[in-house]
């Protein structure tokens, strides 16, 4: 399903499809905050795989939802999460 509300800004034509899987037993929140004029945030349930579009320079932040507040537990360069790379490492 396409989610237009947080679409990649049109002045970034080089968007790429990426994937992230929550392999923990806790709720996670994934965010991208290093791209100006764009806000991206999604909840990822345990075991869930999330596909998303972003630009190559984006950094994905993973917050662990264990407890009342989320704690930043990972920062991942989106280029390492390209769909082909993601599929090869999760098969």
N, C-alpha and C. Protein backbone atom coordinates (compact mmCIF):
# COMPACT_ATOMS: atom_id res chain seq x y z
N UNK A 1 0.85 -1.17 0.00
CA UNK A 1 0.00 0.00 0.00
C UNK A 1 0.90 1.24 0.00
N UNK A 2 0.56 2.18 -0.82
CA UNK A 2 1.31 3.43 -0.92
C UNK A 2 0.81 4.41 0.13
N UNK A 3 1.73 5.10 0.78
CA UNK A 3 1.35 6.09 1.78
C UNK A 3 1.86 7.45 1.31
N UNK A 4 0.95 8.26 0.81
CA UNK A 4 1.29 9.53 0.20
C UNK A 4 1.65 10.58 1.24
N UNK A 5 1.11 10.47 2.45
CA UNK A 5 1.27 11.52 3.45
C UNK A 5 2.73 11.85 3.75
N UNK A 6 3.60 10.86 3.69
CA UNK A 6 5.02 11.08 3.97
C UNK A 6 5.87 10.79 2.74
N UNK A 7 5.34 11.11 1.57
CA UNK A 7 6.07 10.81 0.33
C UNK A 7 7.40 11.55 0.31
N UNK A 8 8.37 10.96 -0.36
CA UNK A 8 9.67 11.59 -0.53
C UNK A 8 9.46 12.89 -1.29
N UNK A 9 10.08 13.99 -0.86
CA UNK A 9 9.91 15.27 -1.56
C UNK A 9 10.27 15.15 -3.04
N UNK A 10 9.54 15.86 -3.88
CA UNK A 10 9.72 15.75 -5.32
C UNK A 10 11.09 16.24 -5.78
N UNK A 11 11.76 17.09 -5.01
CA UNK A 11 13.08 17.55 -5.42
C UNK A 11 14.17 16.51 -5.12
N UNK A 12 13.79 15.30 -4.70
CA UNK A 12 14.70 14.17 -4.53
C UNK A 12 14.25 13.06 -5.49
N UNK A 13 14.61 13.16 -6.75
CA UNK A 13 14.12 12.18 -7.73
C UNK A 13 14.78 10.81 -7.63
N UNK A 14 15.88 10.69 -6.90
CA UNK A 14 16.63 9.43 -6.86
C UNK A 14 16.24 8.55 -5.68
N UNK A 15 14.95 8.37 -5.45
CA UNK A 15 14.51 7.54 -4.33
C UNK A 15 14.67 6.05 -4.69
N UNK A 16 14.91 5.26 -3.66
CA UNK A 16 15.18 3.83 -3.80
C UNK A 16 14.32 3.08 -2.79
N UNK A 17 13.96 1.84 -3.11
CA UNK A 17 13.16 1.01 -2.21
C UNK A 17 14.08 0.28 -1.24
N UNK A 18 13.76 0.37 0.05
CA UNK A 18 14.55 -0.24 1.12
C UNK A 18 13.66 -1.14 1.97
N UNK A 19 14.28 -1.98 2.80
CA UNK A 19 13.54 -2.85 3.69
C UNK A 19 14.20 -2.95 5.05
N UNK A 20 13.37 -3.08 6.09
CA UNK A 20 13.85 -3.28 7.46
C UNK A 20 12.92 -4.29 8.14
N UNK A 21 13.50 -5.25 8.86
CA UNK A 21 12.71 -6.21 9.62
C UNK A 21 13.01 -6.06 11.10
N UNK A 22 11.96 -6.00 11.90
CA UNK A 22 12.10 -5.94 13.34
C UNK A 22 12.27 -7.37 13.85
N UNK A 23 13.50 -7.74 14.17
CA UNK A 23 13.77 -9.10 14.65
C UNK A 23 13.74 -9.18 16.17
N UNK A 24 13.42 -8.06 16.83
CA UNK A 24 13.35 -8.06 18.29
C UNK A 24 11.96 -8.52 18.74
N UNK A 25 11.78 -8.65 20.03
CA UNK A 25 10.47 -9.00 20.59
C UNK A 25 9.72 -7.75 21.07
N UNK A 26 10.26 -6.58 20.73
CA UNK A 26 9.66 -5.32 21.16
C UNK A 26 9.20 -4.50 19.97
N UNK A 27 8.25 -3.64 20.23
CA UNK A 27 7.82 -2.67 19.23
C UNK A 27 9.00 -1.75 18.91
N UNK A 28 9.16 -1.40 17.64
CA UNK A 28 10.19 -0.45 17.24
C UNK A 28 9.54 0.72 16.50
N UNK A 29 10.21 1.85 16.53
CA UNK A 29 9.83 2.99 15.71
C UNK A 29 11.02 3.29 14.82
N UNK A 30 10.77 3.39 13.51
CA UNK A 30 11.84 3.74 12.60
C UNK A 30 11.60 5.15 12.09
N UNK A 31 12.68 5.94 12.07
CA UNK A 31 12.59 7.35 11.66
C UNK A 31 13.73 7.69 10.73
N UNK A 32 13.47 8.64 9.85
CA UNK A 32 14.52 9.27 9.05
C UNK A 32 14.40 10.76 9.33
N UNK A 33 15.48 11.32 9.87
CA UNK A 33 15.43 12.74 10.28
C UNK A 33 16.50 13.59 9.62
N UNK A 34 17.38 12.98 8.82
CA UNK A 34 18.49 13.76 8.26
C UNK A 34 18.19 14.36 6.88
N UNK A 35 16.98 14.26 6.40
CA UNK A 35 16.61 14.82 5.10
C UNK A 35 15.77 16.08 5.33
N UNK A 36 16.25 17.24 4.89
CA UNK A 36 15.50 18.49 5.11
C UNK A 36 14.12 18.46 4.45
N UNK A 37 13.15 19.03 5.13
CA UNK A 37 11.77 19.18 4.64
C UNK A 37 11.05 17.85 4.43
N UNK A 38 11.45 16.83 5.18
CA UNK A 38 10.78 15.53 5.07
C UNK A 38 10.76 14.88 6.44
N UNK A 39 9.59 14.38 6.82
CA UNK A 39 9.43 13.69 8.10
C UNK A 39 8.97 12.27 7.80
N UNK A 40 9.69 11.29 8.29
CA UNK A 40 9.33 9.89 8.08
C UNK A 40 9.42 9.16 9.40
N UNK A 41 8.33 8.53 9.78
CA UNK A 41 8.28 7.75 11.02
C UNK A 41 7.26 6.64 10.86
N UNK A 42 7.64 5.43 11.23
CA UNK A 42 6.75 4.28 11.15
C UNK A 42 6.95 3.39 12.37
N UNK A 43 5.87 2.77 12.81
CA UNK A 43 5.91 1.75 13.86
C UNK A 43 6.14 0.41 13.18
N UNK A 44 7.01 -0.41 13.78
CA UNK A 44 7.30 -1.74 13.24
C UNK A 44 7.10 -2.75 14.37
N UNK A 45 6.16 -3.65 14.18
CA UNK A 45 5.85 -4.65 15.19
C UNK A 45 6.87 -5.79 15.13
N UNK A 46 7.03 -6.54 16.23
CA UNK A 46 7.97 -7.67 16.23
C UNK A 46 7.70 -8.62 15.06
N UNK A 47 8.75 -8.95 14.33
CA UNK A 47 8.64 -9.85 13.19
C UNK A 47 8.20 -9.19 11.90
N UNK A 48 7.72 -7.98 11.96
CA UNK A 48 7.20 -7.29 10.78
C UNK A 48 8.34 -6.81 9.87
N UNK A 49 8.08 -6.87 8.57
CA UNK A 49 9.00 -6.33 7.56
C UNK A 49 8.37 -5.06 7.00
N UNK A 50 9.14 -3.98 6.98
CA UNK A 50 8.67 -2.70 6.44
C UNK A 50 9.46 -2.35 5.20
N UNK A 51 8.79 -2.10 4.10
CA UNK A 51 9.40 -1.57 2.90
C UNK A 51 9.11 -0.08 2.85
N UNK A 52 10.09 0.70 2.41
CA UNK A 52 9.90 2.15 2.35
C UNK A 52 10.82 2.74 1.30
N UNK A 53 10.42 3.91 0.79
CA UNK A 53 11.25 4.62 -0.17
C UNK A 53 11.97 5.75 0.53
N UNK A 54 13.22 5.95 0.15
CA UNK A 54 14.02 7.05 0.68
C UNK A 54 15.15 7.32 -0.32
N UNK A 55 15.89 8.36 -0.05
CA UNK A 55 17.03 8.68 -0.90
C UNK A 55 18.29 8.01 -0.35
N UNK A 56 19.30 7.79 -1.18
CA UNK A 56 20.49 7.03 -0.76
C UNK A 56 21.21 7.60 0.45
N UNK A 57 21.16 8.90 0.66
CA UNK A 57 21.88 9.51 1.79
C UNK A 57 21.11 9.46 3.11
N UNK A 58 19.92 8.90 3.10
CA UNK A 58 19.11 8.84 4.31
C UNK A 58 19.72 7.90 5.35
N UNK A 59 19.52 8.26 6.61
CA UNK A 59 19.95 7.44 7.75
C UNK A 59 18.69 6.99 8.50
N UNK A 60 18.52 5.69 8.64
CA UNK A 60 17.38 5.15 9.35
C UNK A 60 17.73 5.01 10.82
N UNK A 61 16.92 5.61 11.68
CA UNK A 61 17.09 5.50 13.13
C UNK A 61 16.05 4.51 13.65
N UNK A 62 16.50 3.58 14.47
CA UNK A 62 15.61 2.58 15.05
C UNK A 62 15.52 2.84 16.55
N UNK A 63 14.31 3.05 17.03
CA UNK A 63 14.05 3.29 18.45
C UNK A 63 13.34 2.07 19.01
N UNK A 64 13.83 1.56 20.14
CA UNK A 64 13.23 0.42 20.82
C UNK A 64 12.08 0.92 21.67
N UNK A 65 10.91 0.34 21.48
CA UNK A 65 9.73 0.74 22.21
C UNK A 65 9.52 -0.03 23.50
N UNK A 66 10.57 -0.57 24.08
CA UNK A 66 10.48 -1.32 25.32
C UNK A 66 10.35 -0.35 26.49
N UNK A 67 9.18 -0.25 27.05
CA UNK A 67 8.97 0.68 28.15
C UNK A 67 8.14 1.88 27.73
N UNK A 68 8.21 2.93 28.52
CA UNK A 68 7.38 4.11 28.28
C UNK A 68 7.91 4.98 27.15
N UNK A 69 9.22 5.11 27.05
CA UNK A 69 9.80 5.96 26.02
C UNK A 69 10.67 5.13 25.08
N UNK A 70 10.82 5.61 23.85
CA UNK A 70 11.68 4.94 22.89
C UNK A 70 13.12 5.38 23.07
N UNK A 71 14.04 4.43 22.95
CA UNK A 71 15.46 4.70 23.09
C UNK A 71 16.12 4.39 21.75
N UNK A 72 16.92 5.34 21.24
CA UNK A 72 17.63 5.13 19.99
C UNK A 72 18.61 3.96 20.17
N UNK A 73 18.41 2.91 19.39
CA UNK A 73 19.29 1.75 19.54
C UNK A 73 20.14 1.48 18.31
N UNK A 74 19.78 2.05 17.16
CA UNK A 74 20.56 1.83 15.94
C UNK A 74 20.43 3.02 15.00
N UNK A 75 21.48 3.29 14.26
CA UNK A 75 21.44 4.20 13.13
C UNK A 75 22.04 3.44 11.96
N UNK A 76 21.27 3.33 10.88
CA UNK A 76 21.66 2.49 9.75
C UNK A 76 21.63 3.32 8.48
N UNK A 77 22.70 3.29 7.71
CA UNK A 77 22.71 3.95 6.41
C UNK A 77 21.75 3.20 5.49
N UNK A 78 20.80 3.92 4.91
CA UNK A 78 19.79 3.27 4.07
C UNK A 78 20.41 2.51 2.90
N UNK A 79 21.55 2.95 2.41
CA UNK A 79 22.19 2.22 1.30
C UNK A 79 22.46 0.76 1.63
N UNK A 80 22.61 0.43 2.91
CA UNK A 80 22.83 -0.97 3.30
C UNK A 80 21.52 -1.75 3.38
N UNK A 81 20.41 -1.05 3.23
CA UNK A 81 19.09 -1.68 3.33
C UNK A 81 18.36 -1.76 1.99
N UNK A 82 19.10 -1.54 0.89
CA UNK A 82 18.46 -1.62 -0.44
C UNK A 82 17.70 -2.93 -0.55
N UNK A 83 16.60 -2.92 -1.25
CA UNK A 83 15.72 -4.08 -1.30
C UNK A 83 16.47 -5.34 -1.72
N UNK A 84 17.31 -5.29 -2.74
CA UNK A 84 18.04 -6.48 -3.17
C UNK A 84 18.97 -6.98 -2.06
N UNK A 85 19.68 -6.08 -1.40
CA UNK A 85 20.56 -6.45 -0.28
C UNK A 85 19.74 -7.03 0.86
N UNK A 86 18.60 -6.38 1.16
CA UNK A 86 17.71 -6.83 2.23
C UNK A 86 17.21 -8.25 1.95
N UNK A 87 16.75 -8.51 0.72
CA UNK A 87 16.23 -9.82 0.38
C UNK A 87 17.30 -10.90 0.45
N UNK A 88 18.50 -10.59 -0.02
CA UNK A 88 19.59 -11.58 0.00
C UNK A 88 19.98 -11.95 1.43
N UNK A 89 19.93 -10.99 2.36
CA UNK A 89 20.33 -11.27 3.74
C UNK A 89 19.21 -11.90 4.57
N UNK A 90 17.97 -11.88 4.07
CA UNK A 90 16.84 -12.41 4.83
C UNK A 90 16.24 -13.68 4.21
N UNK A 91 16.89 -14.24 3.20
CA UNK A 91 16.36 -15.47 2.59
C UNK A 91 16.94 -16.69 3.24
